[in-house]
Amino acid sequence: MNAFIQQLPALIGVVIGALGSYVAVVRGERVRFRREREARWEERRLEVYAEYARTLKKSVTLTYRVASHLGNDPHPYPLTPAEAAPLMAEATAAGDPAGETLLMLGSADVVAKARVWVTALLAMERFLREGTHDPEAWQDLLQRQREGRQGYYAAVRDDLALPPGNSAAWALAPARPA
């Protein structure tokens, strides 16, 4: 018994060391798991944000083309409202699932900025459905849409802790005389 008592401090040290190792490993695994899970969700959110932007941009491009047909926009490939209708319906149908996924996975700020952008797009579509010919009013709608898109991208970058990006305000080269 005396030998056991002499070895007891060493045995207690081994048990404490084993428990300490176990706790360290478990905590390390939890931290690693949490970090990997957050990285997976960040990647998924980036995909969702990009997909939503792509679907909206398809609709925006179609509105440019219809506006060109109506004499409101200088887009080089005009499209009649009749030709655009099935394409717009397809773009809207593609945007619905992307919007639902955005609502599920997006941050509150990104969803709010997406709403601003899509509201501007809806105003553009309404303008075109009415067959309006008013290039100045169209330019105002374009500006609202561009600001909405810029706000959306800024919110996405903030949510994903990305560095600031391009403002998307591209200066176009002046047209060459014919």
Protein backbone atom coordinates (compact mmCIF):
# COMPACT_ATOMS: atom_id res chain seq x y z
CA MET A 1 0.00 0.00 0.00
CA ASN A 2 2.89 2.31 0.82
CA ALA A 3 4.25 1.89 -2.76
CA PHE A 4 0.84 2.74 -4.18
CA ILE A 5 0.69 5.96 -2.15
CA GLN A 6 4.15 6.87 -3.34
CA GLN A 7 3.05 6.39 -6.98
CA LEU A 8 -0.28 8.20 -6.48
CA PRO A 9 1.02 11.71 -7.39
CA ALA A 10 2.46 10.35 -10.65
CA LEU A 11 -0.81 8.54 -11.41
CA ILE A 12 -2.83 11.70 -10.68
CA GLY A 13 -0.47 13.64 -12.97
CA VAL A 14 -1.03 11.14 -15.79
CA VAL A 15 -4.83 11.30 -15.35
CA ILE A 16 -4.81 15.12 -15.29
CA GLY A 17 -2.54 15.16 -18.36
CA ALA A 18 -4.83 12.77 -20.21
CA LEU A 19 -7.91 14.83 -19.33
CA GLY A 20 -6.12 18.02 -20.38
CA SER A 21 -5.15 16.45 -23.70
CA TYR A 22 -8.70 15.24 -24.23
CA VAL A 23 -10.17 18.69 -23.51
CA ALA A 24 -7.62 20.37 -25.79
CA VAL A 25 -8.34 17.96 -28.65
CA VAL A 26 -12.13 18.28 -28.24
CA ARG A 27 -11.97 22.08 -28.17
CA GLY A 28 -9.61 22.14 -31.14
CA GLU A 29 -11.97 19.90 -33.11
CA ARG A 30 -14.94 22.09 -32.23
CA VAL A 31 -13.10 25.21 -33.34
CA ARG A 32 -12.00 23.51 -36.58
CA PHE A 33 -15.52 22.21 -37.24
CA ARG A 34 -17.05 25.64 -36.60
CA ARG A 35 -14.48 27.33 -38.85
CA GLU A 36 -15.06 24.80 -41.67
CA ARG A 37 -18.83 25.12 -41.32
CA GLU A 38 -18.63 28.92 -41.49
CA ALA A 39 -16.39 28.69 -44.56
CA ARG A 40 -18.86 26.33 -46.26
CA TRP A 41 -21.76 28.68 -45.54
CA GLU A 42 -19.77 31.69 -46.74
CA GLU A 43 -19.04 29.88 -50.01
CA ARG A 44 -22.71 28.93 -50.33
CA ARG A 45 -23.85 32.50 -49.61
CA LEU A 46 -21.43 33.82 -52.23
CA GLU A 47 -22.94 31.39 -54.77
CA VAL A 48 -26.46 32.50 -53.82
CA TYR A 49 -25.56 36.18 -54.01
CA ALA A 50 -23.90 35.75 -57.40
CA GLU A 51 -26.77 33.68 -58.80
CA TYR A 52 -29.30 36.27 -57.70
CA ALA A 53 -27.25 39.04 -59.33
CA ARG A 54 -26.98 37.02 -62.57
CA THR A 55 -30.74 36.47 -62.76
CA LEU A 56 -31.48 40.15 -62.14
CA LYS A 57 -28.85 41.23 -64.63
CA LYS A 58 -30.50 39.07 -67.34
CA SER A 59 -33.75 40.94 -66.78
CA VAL A 60 -31.95 44.29 -66.73
CA THR A 61 -30.27 43.53 -70.06
CA LEU A 62 -33.60 42.59 -71.59
CA THR A 63 -35.08 45.89 -70.42
CA TYR A 64 -32.18 47.75 -72.07
CA ARG A 65 -32.94 46.00 -75.33
CA VAL A 66 -36.67 46.74 -75.21
CA ALA A 67 -35.96 50.33 -74.22
CA SER A 68 -33.71 50.56 -77.27
CA HIS A 69 -36.59 49.43 -79.48
CA LEU A 70 -38.79 52.13 -77.92
CA GLY A 71 -36.11 54.77 -78.52
CA ASN A 72 -35.14 55.24 -74.86
CA ASP A 73 -31.76 53.49 -74.75
CA PRO A 74 -28.77 53.29 -77.12
CA HIS A 75 -28.39 49.48 -76.71
CA PRO A 76 -27.10 48.12 -80.04
CA TYR A 77 -29.44 45.10 -80.11
CA PRO A 78 -33.05 46.29 -79.82
CA LEU A 79 -35.78 43.82 -79.05
CA THR A 80 -39.51 44.30 -79.57
CA PRO A 81 -41.75 43.89 -76.54
CA ALA A 82 -43.36 40.86 -78.21
CA GLU A 83 -39.97 39.21 -78.76
CA ALA A 84 -38.89 40.08 -75.24
CA ALA A 85 -42.01 38.79 -73.46
CA PRO A 86 -41.06 35.08 -73.37
CA LEU A 87 -37.46 35.95 -72.50
CA MET A 88 -38.62 38.21 -69.66
CA ALA A 89 -40.96 35.49 -68.38
CA GLU A 90 -38.08 33.00 -68.46
CA ALA A 91 -35.76 35.41 -66.65
CA THR A 92 -38.40 36.09 -64.01
CA ALA A 93 -39.04 32.38 -63.54
CA ALA A 94 -35.29 31.78 -63.10
CA GLY A 95 -35.09 34.64 -60.62
CA ASP A 96 -37.82 33.33 -58.31
CA PRO A 97 -35.85 30.36 -56.90
CA ALA A 98 -32.73 32.51 -56.64
CA GLY A 99 -34.73 35.09 -54.69
CA GLU A 100 -36.13 32.47 -52.33
CA THR A 101 -32.66 31.09 -51.66
CA LEU A 102 -31.44 34.63 -51.05
CA LEU A 103 -34.20 35.13 -48.48
CA MET A 104 -33.16 31.90 -46.74
CA LEU A 105 -29.39 32.37 -46.68
CA GLY A 106 -28.79 36.09 -47.14
CA SER A 107 -28.05 38.55 -44.39
CA ALA A 108 -30.77 41.07 -43.54
CA ASP A 109 -28.76 43.92 -45.10
CA VAL A 110 -28.12 42.02 -48.34
CA VAL A 111 -31.81 41.10 -48.62
CA ALA A 112 -32.81 44.72 -48.04
CA LYS A 113 -30.40 45.94 -50.72
CA ALA A 114 -31.60 43.21 -53.09
CA ARG A 115 -35.14 44.49 -52.57
CA VAL A 116 -34.05 48.02 -53.55
CA TRP A 117 -32.40 46.67 -56.72
CA VAL A 118 -35.33 44.50 -57.75
CA THR A 119 -37.77 47.33 -57.07
CA ALA A 120 -35.84 49.51 -59.51
CA LEU A 121 -35.94 46.69 -62.06
CA LEU A 122 -39.70 46.32 -61.62
CA ALA A 123 -40.11 50.06 -62.25
CA MET A 124 -38.09 49.68 -65.46
CA GLU A 125 -40.27 46.78 -66.60
CA ARG A 126 -43.47 48.73 -65.81
CA PHE A 127 -42.11 51.72 -67.78
CA LEU A 128 -41.56 49.46 -70.79
CA ARG A 129 -44.90 47.64 -70.53
CA GLU A 130 -46.59 51.03 -70.76
CA GLY A 131 -44.68 51.64 -74.02
CA THR A 132 -43.34 54.96 -72.76
CA HIS A 133 -41.01 56.97 -74.95
CA ASP A 134 -39.14 59.27 -72.55
CA PRO A 135 -35.35 58.88 -72.68
CA GLU A 136 -34.85 61.26 -69.76
CA ALA A 137 -37.20 59.30 -67.48
CA TRP A 138 -35.49 56.09 -68.68
CA GLN A 139 -32.10 57.50 -67.65
CA ASP A 140 -33.50 58.21 -64.17
CA LEU A 141 -34.68 54.59 -63.94
CA LEU A 142 -31.29 53.38 -65.12
CA GLN A 143 -29.60 55.44 -62.43
CA ARG A 144 -31.90 53.98 -59.75
CA GLN A 145 -31.12 50.48 -61.00
CA ARG A 146 -27.38 51.14 -61.01
CA GLU A 147 -27.48 52.53 -57.49
CA GLY A 148 -29.53 49.51 -56.39
CA ARG A 149 -27.01 47.13 -57.92
CA GLN A 150 -24.09 49.01 -56.38
CA GLY A 151 -25.78 48.93 -52.96
CA TYR A 152 -26.42 45.20 -53.32
CA TYR A 153 -22.80 44.46 -54.22
CA ALA A 154 -21.53 46.64 -51.35
CA ALA A 155 -23.78 44.77 -48.89
CA VAL A 156 -22.56 41.42 -50.25
CA ARG A 157 -18.93 42.48 -49.85
CA ASP A 158 -19.62 43.64 -46.30
CA ASP A 159 -21.44 40.42 -45.41
CA LEU A 160 -18.63 38.23 -46.74
CA ALA A 161 -15.87 40.54 -45.43
CA LEU A 162 -14.52 41.07 -48.96
CA PRO A 163 -12.42 44.09 -49.89
CA PRO A 164 -14.17 46.99 -51.62
CA GLY A 165 -14.87 46.31 -55.26
CA ASN A 166 -15.43 48.26 -58.42
CA SER A 167 -18.25 50.80 -58.33
CA ALA A 168 -19.47 49.53 -61.73
CA ALA A 169 -19.61 53.13 -62.94
CA TRP A 170 -17.76 52.64 -66.17
CA ALA A 171 -16.84 55.61 -68.26
CA LEU A 172 -17.75 54.79 -71.84
CA ALA A 173 -15.54 55.89 -74.68
CA PRO A 174 -17.17 58.54 -76.86
CA ALA A 175 -18.75 57.21 -80.04
CA ARG A 176 -16.57 57.57 -83.12
CA PRO A 177 -18.01 59.60 -85.95
CA ALA A 178 -19.22 57.46 -88.84
